[in-house]
Amino acid sequence: MTTPNREWTDEQLLSDAVSKKDIVTFLHENATHDFLVEFKLTGKLATVVKNAKKDSLVQAYNSLFTREAFRGADEPSEEEIMSAKNAAPVAAKVEAVVETGPPKFTKTVLKKGDKIGYPKKGSSVAVFYTGYFEDGTIFDTNDNTKKKSNPLRFKVGSGNVIAGWDDAMLSMSRGEKAKITIEAEHAYGKKGVPEGKVPIPPNTRLIFDVELVSIN
């Protein structure tokens, strides 16, 4: 997507010449979903316009250009995301769905994502996770909500994480939470991780609860 030009000056933005609807429409068409989430501007256009304050919208508009947080050509606009959500059938009962991904891992969806934004090889993702053995022993986690820990960020398919994670990320959509079971040869294999705070023995199947927070 071509980087848009600034349509209004600060003086115009703060005047009656530019309405809240004008600014929200521009942001929905040009900003990334993560940017809109950060500024609490996701949702139906009319609802966002009604609830947003003009000075906050002006700040978001200026931040969009400062940070260059423009959505890519392959990323849907907020209106497209909302249309897809409205078109999706409403399930009578929420149940965990078991899906089999590429060889070496299985995935149980605990919370569905937007079913629109999926990582690709080379995408930068941010995730919260908890890793544990089959007996329930936790060996690693960054999901400490009391301390508001930061998500783990890495590039998919770049070998920054175990192979099972790279494969599993490709099957998840933004906002999805899932339980991922990774076979030993797609995790740490014969070597394990003997030096970890909680050592991972050789040839160990690993289980992770993962939440895909964002994709860039």
Protein backbone atom coordinates (compact mmCIF):
# COMPACT_ATOMS: atom_id res chain seq x y z
CA MET A 1 0.00 0.00 0.00
CA THR A 2 1.32 3.47 -0.96
CA THR A 3 2.05 5.70 2.02
CA PRO A 4 -0.78 8.29 2.12
CA ASN A 5 -0.14 12.01 2.25
CA ARG A 6 -1.24 14.18 5.16
CA GLU A 7 -4.64 15.52 4.23
CA TRP A 8 -5.03 18.14 6.95
CA THR A 9 -2.92 20.57 8.96
CA ASP A 10 -3.17 20.72 12.76
CA GLU A 11 -5.23 23.89 12.44
CA GLN A 12 -7.71 22.16 10.12
CA LEU A 13 -7.86 19.07 12.33
CA LEU A 14 -8.81 21.11 15.39
CA SER A 15 -11.37 23.16 13.50
CA ASP A 16 -14.89 22.25 12.39
CA ALA A 17 -13.59 21.84 8.84
CA VAL A 18 -12.55 18.27 9.66
CA SER A 19 -15.06 16.08 11.48
CA LYS A 20 -14.39 13.17 13.82
CA LYS A 21 -15.87 10.92 11.15
CA ASP A 22 -13.34 12.19 8.59
CA ILE A 23 -10.40 11.35 10.87
CA VAL A 24 -11.71 7.93 11.94
CA THR A 25 -12.43 6.99 8.32
CA PHE A 26 -8.88 7.94 7.33
CA LEU A 27 -7.36 5.95 10.22
CA HIS A 28 -9.53 2.88 9.51
CA GLU A 29 -8.46 2.92 5.86
CA ASN A 30 -4.75 3.49 6.42
CA ALA A 31 -3.58 2.39 9.91
CA THR A 32 -2.58 -1.13 10.95
CA HIS A 33 -4.99 -3.09 13.13
CA ASP A 34 -2.45 -3.10 15.99
CA PHE A 35 -2.21 0.70 15.81
CA LEU A 36 -6.00 1.02 16.00
CA VAL A 37 -6.09 -1.37 18.95
CA GLU A 38 -3.48 0.74 20.76
CA PHE A 39 -5.54 3.91 20.34
CA LYS A 40 -8.85 2.09 21.05
CA LEU A 41 -10.23 2.88 17.59
CA THR A 42 -11.31 -0.60 16.49
CA GLY A 43 -14.91 -1.45 15.72
CA LYS A 44 -17.75 -0.04 13.67
CA LEU A 45 -17.14 3.42 12.26
CA ALA A 46 -20.25 4.97 13.81
CA THR A 47 -19.47 3.56 17.26
CA VAL A 48 -15.86 4.76 17.20
CA VAL A 49 -16.91 8.23 16.04
CA LYS A 50 -19.49 8.46 18.82
CA ASN A 51 -17.11 7.43 21.60
CA ALA A 52 -13.86 9.09 20.50
CA LYS A 53 -12.77 12.58 21.53
CA LYS A 54 -11.57 14.98 18.86
CA ASP A 55 -8.23 15.75 20.53
CA SER A 56 -7.49 12.02 20.90
CA LEU A 57 -8.23 11.47 17.22
CA VAL A 58 -5.90 14.31 16.26
CA GLN A 59 -3.17 12.74 18.38
CA ALA A 60 -3.73 9.36 16.70
CA TYR A 61 -3.67 10.96 13.25
CA ASN A 62 -0.34 12.68 13.93
CA SER A 63 1.12 9.53 15.54
CA LEU A 64 0.23 7.53 12.44
CA PHE A 65 2.57 9.64 10.33
CA THR A 66 5.24 9.97 13.01
CA ARG A 67 5.43 6.19 13.48
CA GLU A 68 4.54 5.32 9.86
CA ALA A 69 2.15 2.65 11.13
CA PHE A 70 0.45 2.21 7.77
CA ARG A 71 -1.14 -1.10 6.91
CA GLY A 72 0.33 -3.20 4.15
CA ALA A 73 -1.36 -3.90 0.84
CA ASP A 74 -2.25 -7.43 1.98
CA GLU A 75 -3.64 -6.34 5.36
CA PRO A 76 -7.42 -5.74 5.52
CA SER A 77 -8.82 -2.39 6.58
CA GLU A 78 -10.83 -2.09 9.79
CA GLU A 79 -14.08 -1.99 7.79
CA GLU A 80 -13.10 -5.23 6.01
CA ILE A 81 -12.30 -6.86 9.35
CA MET A 82 -15.66 -5.82 10.78
CA SER A 83 -17.51 -7.03 7.67
CA ALA A 84 -15.82 -10.43 7.96
CA LYS A 85 -16.76 -10.67 11.65
CA ASN A 86 -20.38 -9.75 10.93
CA ALA A 87 -20.54 -12.32 8.14
CA ALA A 88 -19.19 -15.12 10.34
CA PRO A 89 -21.88 -17.46 11.69
CA VAL A 90 -22.53 -17.28 15.44
CA ALA A 91 -21.82 -20.59 17.14
CA ALA A 92 -24.56 -21.89 19.41
CA LYS A 93 -21.98 -23.29 21.79
CA VAL A 94 -18.30 -22.41 22.19
CA GLU A 95 -16.14 -25.50 22.13
CA ALA A 96 -12.43 -26.14 21.84
CA VAL A 97 -11.56 -27.16 18.28
CA VAL A 98 -8.78 -29.64 17.70
CA GLU A 99 -6.80 -29.03 14.53
CA THR A 100 -3.89 -31.00 13.17
CA GLY A 101 -1.20 -28.81 11.69
CA PRO A 102 1.90 -29.74 9.73
CA PRO A 103 3.71 -32.91 10.88
CA LYS A 104 5.31 -32.85 14.34
CA PHE A 105 2.74 -30.71 16.18
CA THR A 106 -0.93 -30.70 17.09
CA LYS A 107 -3.00 -27.68 18.05
CA THR A 108 -6.11 -27.17 20.14
CA VAL A 109 -7.74 -23.77 19.63
CA LEU A 110 -8.74 -22.30 23.00
CA LYS A 111 -9.90 -18.95 21.65
CA LYS A 112 -10.45 -18.16 18.00
CA GLY A 113 -8.49 -15.31 16.41
CA ASP A 114 -9.76 -12.88 13.79
CA LYS A 115 -9.30 -15.53 11.05
CA ILE A 116 -7.94 -12.77 8.81
CA GLY A 117 -4.44 -11.82 9.94
CA TYR A 118 -2.06 -14.78 9.64
CA PRO A 119 1.75 -14.60 9.94
CA LYS A 120 3.90 -15.42 6.95
CA LYS A 121 7.52 -16.47 6.86
CA GLY A 122 9.48 -13.36 7.80
CA SER A 123 6.59 -11.77 9.74
CA SER A 124 7.45 -10.33 13.16
CA VAL A 125 5.07 -11.64 15.80
CA ALA A 126 4.52 -11.00 19.51
CA VAL A 127 3.29 -13.83 21.72
CA PHE A 128 2.58 -14.71 25.32
CA TYR A 129 3.30 -18.30 26.22
CA THR A 130 3.63 -20.89 28.95
CA GLY A 131 5.62 -24.06 28.27
CA TYR A 132 5.18 -27.21 30.31
CA PHE A 133 5.85 -30.95 30.31
CA GLU A 134 3.17 -33.62 30.00
CA ASP A 135 3.07 -33.93 33.80
CA GLY A 136 2.15 -30.23 34.08
CA THR A 137 5.56 -28.93 35.24
CA ILE A 138 6.16 -25.43 33.82
CA PHE A 139 9.65 -24.95 32.40
CA ASP A 140 9.27 -21.47 30.88
CA THR A 141 6.69 -18.66 30.67
CA ASN A 142 6.40 -14.95 29.99
CA ASP A 143 2.69 -14.78 30.82
CA ASN A 144 2.83 -13.17 34.25
CA THR A 145 -0.22 -10.90 34.17
CA LYS A 146 0.42 -9.49 37.63
CA LYS A 147 3.73 -8.03 36.48
CA LYS A 148 2.44 -7.19 32.99
CA SER A 149 5.32 -8.96 31.29
CA ASN A 150 6.30 -8.17 27.73
CA PRO A 151 5.40 -10.55 24.90
CA LEU A 152 8.11 -12.56 23.15
CA ARG A 153 8.89 -11.05 19.74
CA PHE A 154 10.53 -12.96 16.89
CA LYS A 155 10.49 -13.43 13.11
CA VAL A 156 8.60 -16.48 11.91
CA GLY A 157 10.65 -18.97 9.90
CA SER A 158 14.00 -17.42 10.80
CA GLY A 159 15.14 -20.13 13.20
CA ASN A 160 14.81 -17.84 16.23
CA VAL A 161 12.57 -20.38 17.98
CA ILE A 162 12.14 -24.16 17.88
CA ALA A 163 10.87 -25.56 14.57
CA GLY A 164 7.50 -26.55 16.03
CA TRP A 165 6.79 -22.93 16.92
CA ASP A 166 7.68 -21.67 13.44
CA ASP A 167 5.25 -24.17 11.90
CA ALA A 168 2.49 -23.56 14.46
CA MET A 169 2.60 -19.76 14.08
CA LEU A 170 1.70 -20.07 10.40
CA SER A 171 -1.59 -21.72 11.39
CA MET A 172 -2.64 -19.08 13.94
CA SER A 173 -4.51 -15.83 13.33
CA ARG A 174 -4.19 -12.58 15.27
CA GLY A 175 -5.70 -12.83 18.76
CA GLU A 176 -5.84 -16.62 18.76
CA LYS A 177 -5.05 -18.63 21.89
CA ALA A 178 -4.06 -22.27 21.45
CA LYS A 179 -2.51 -25.26 23.14
CA ILE A 180 0.31 -26.57 20.96
CA THR A 181 1.90 -29.96 21.54
CA ILE A 182 5.28 -30.33 19.85
CA GLU A 183 7.03 -33.64 19.33
CA ALA A 184 10.60 -33.91 20.63
CA GLU A 185 12.28 -33.87 17.22
CA HIS A 186 10.53 -30.58 16.42
CA ALA A 187 11.48 -29.12 19.83
CA TYR A 188 14.91 -29.68 21.42
CA GLY A 189 15.42 -33.25 20.19
CA LYS A 190 18.11 -35.52 21.52
CA LYS A 191 20.07 -32.70 23.20
CA GLY A 192 17.30 -31.21 25.32
CA VAL A 193 18.17 -28.09 27.35
CA PRO A 194 20.28 -29.27 30.30
CA GLU A 195 21.34 -25.74 31.34
CA GLY A 196 17.84 -24.25 31.70
CA LYS A 197 16.34 -23.00 34.98
CA VAL A 198 14.09 -26.04 34.62
CA PRO A 199 16.14 -28.44 32.46
CA ILE A 200 14.42 -30.02 29.48
CA PRO A 201 15.41 -33.71 29.19
CA PRO A 202 16.40 -35.21 25.81
CA ASN A 203 13.60 -36.50 23.56
CA THR A 204 10.85 -34.64 25.44
CA ARG A 205 7.47 -33.76 24.01
CA LEU A 206 6.60 -30.15 24.96
CA ILE A 207 3.26 -28.41 25.43
CA PHE A 208 2.73 -24.65 25.09
CA ASP A 209 -0.24 -22.39 25.76
CA VAL A 210 0.29 -19.59 23.23
CA GLU A 211 -1.50 -16.31 22.54
CA LEU A 212 -0.67 -14.53 19.27
CA VAL A 213 -0.86 -10.86 20.26
CA SER A 214 0.23 -9.03 17.11
CA ILE A 215 1.73 -9.42 13.64
CA ASN A 216 3.92 -6.88 11.82
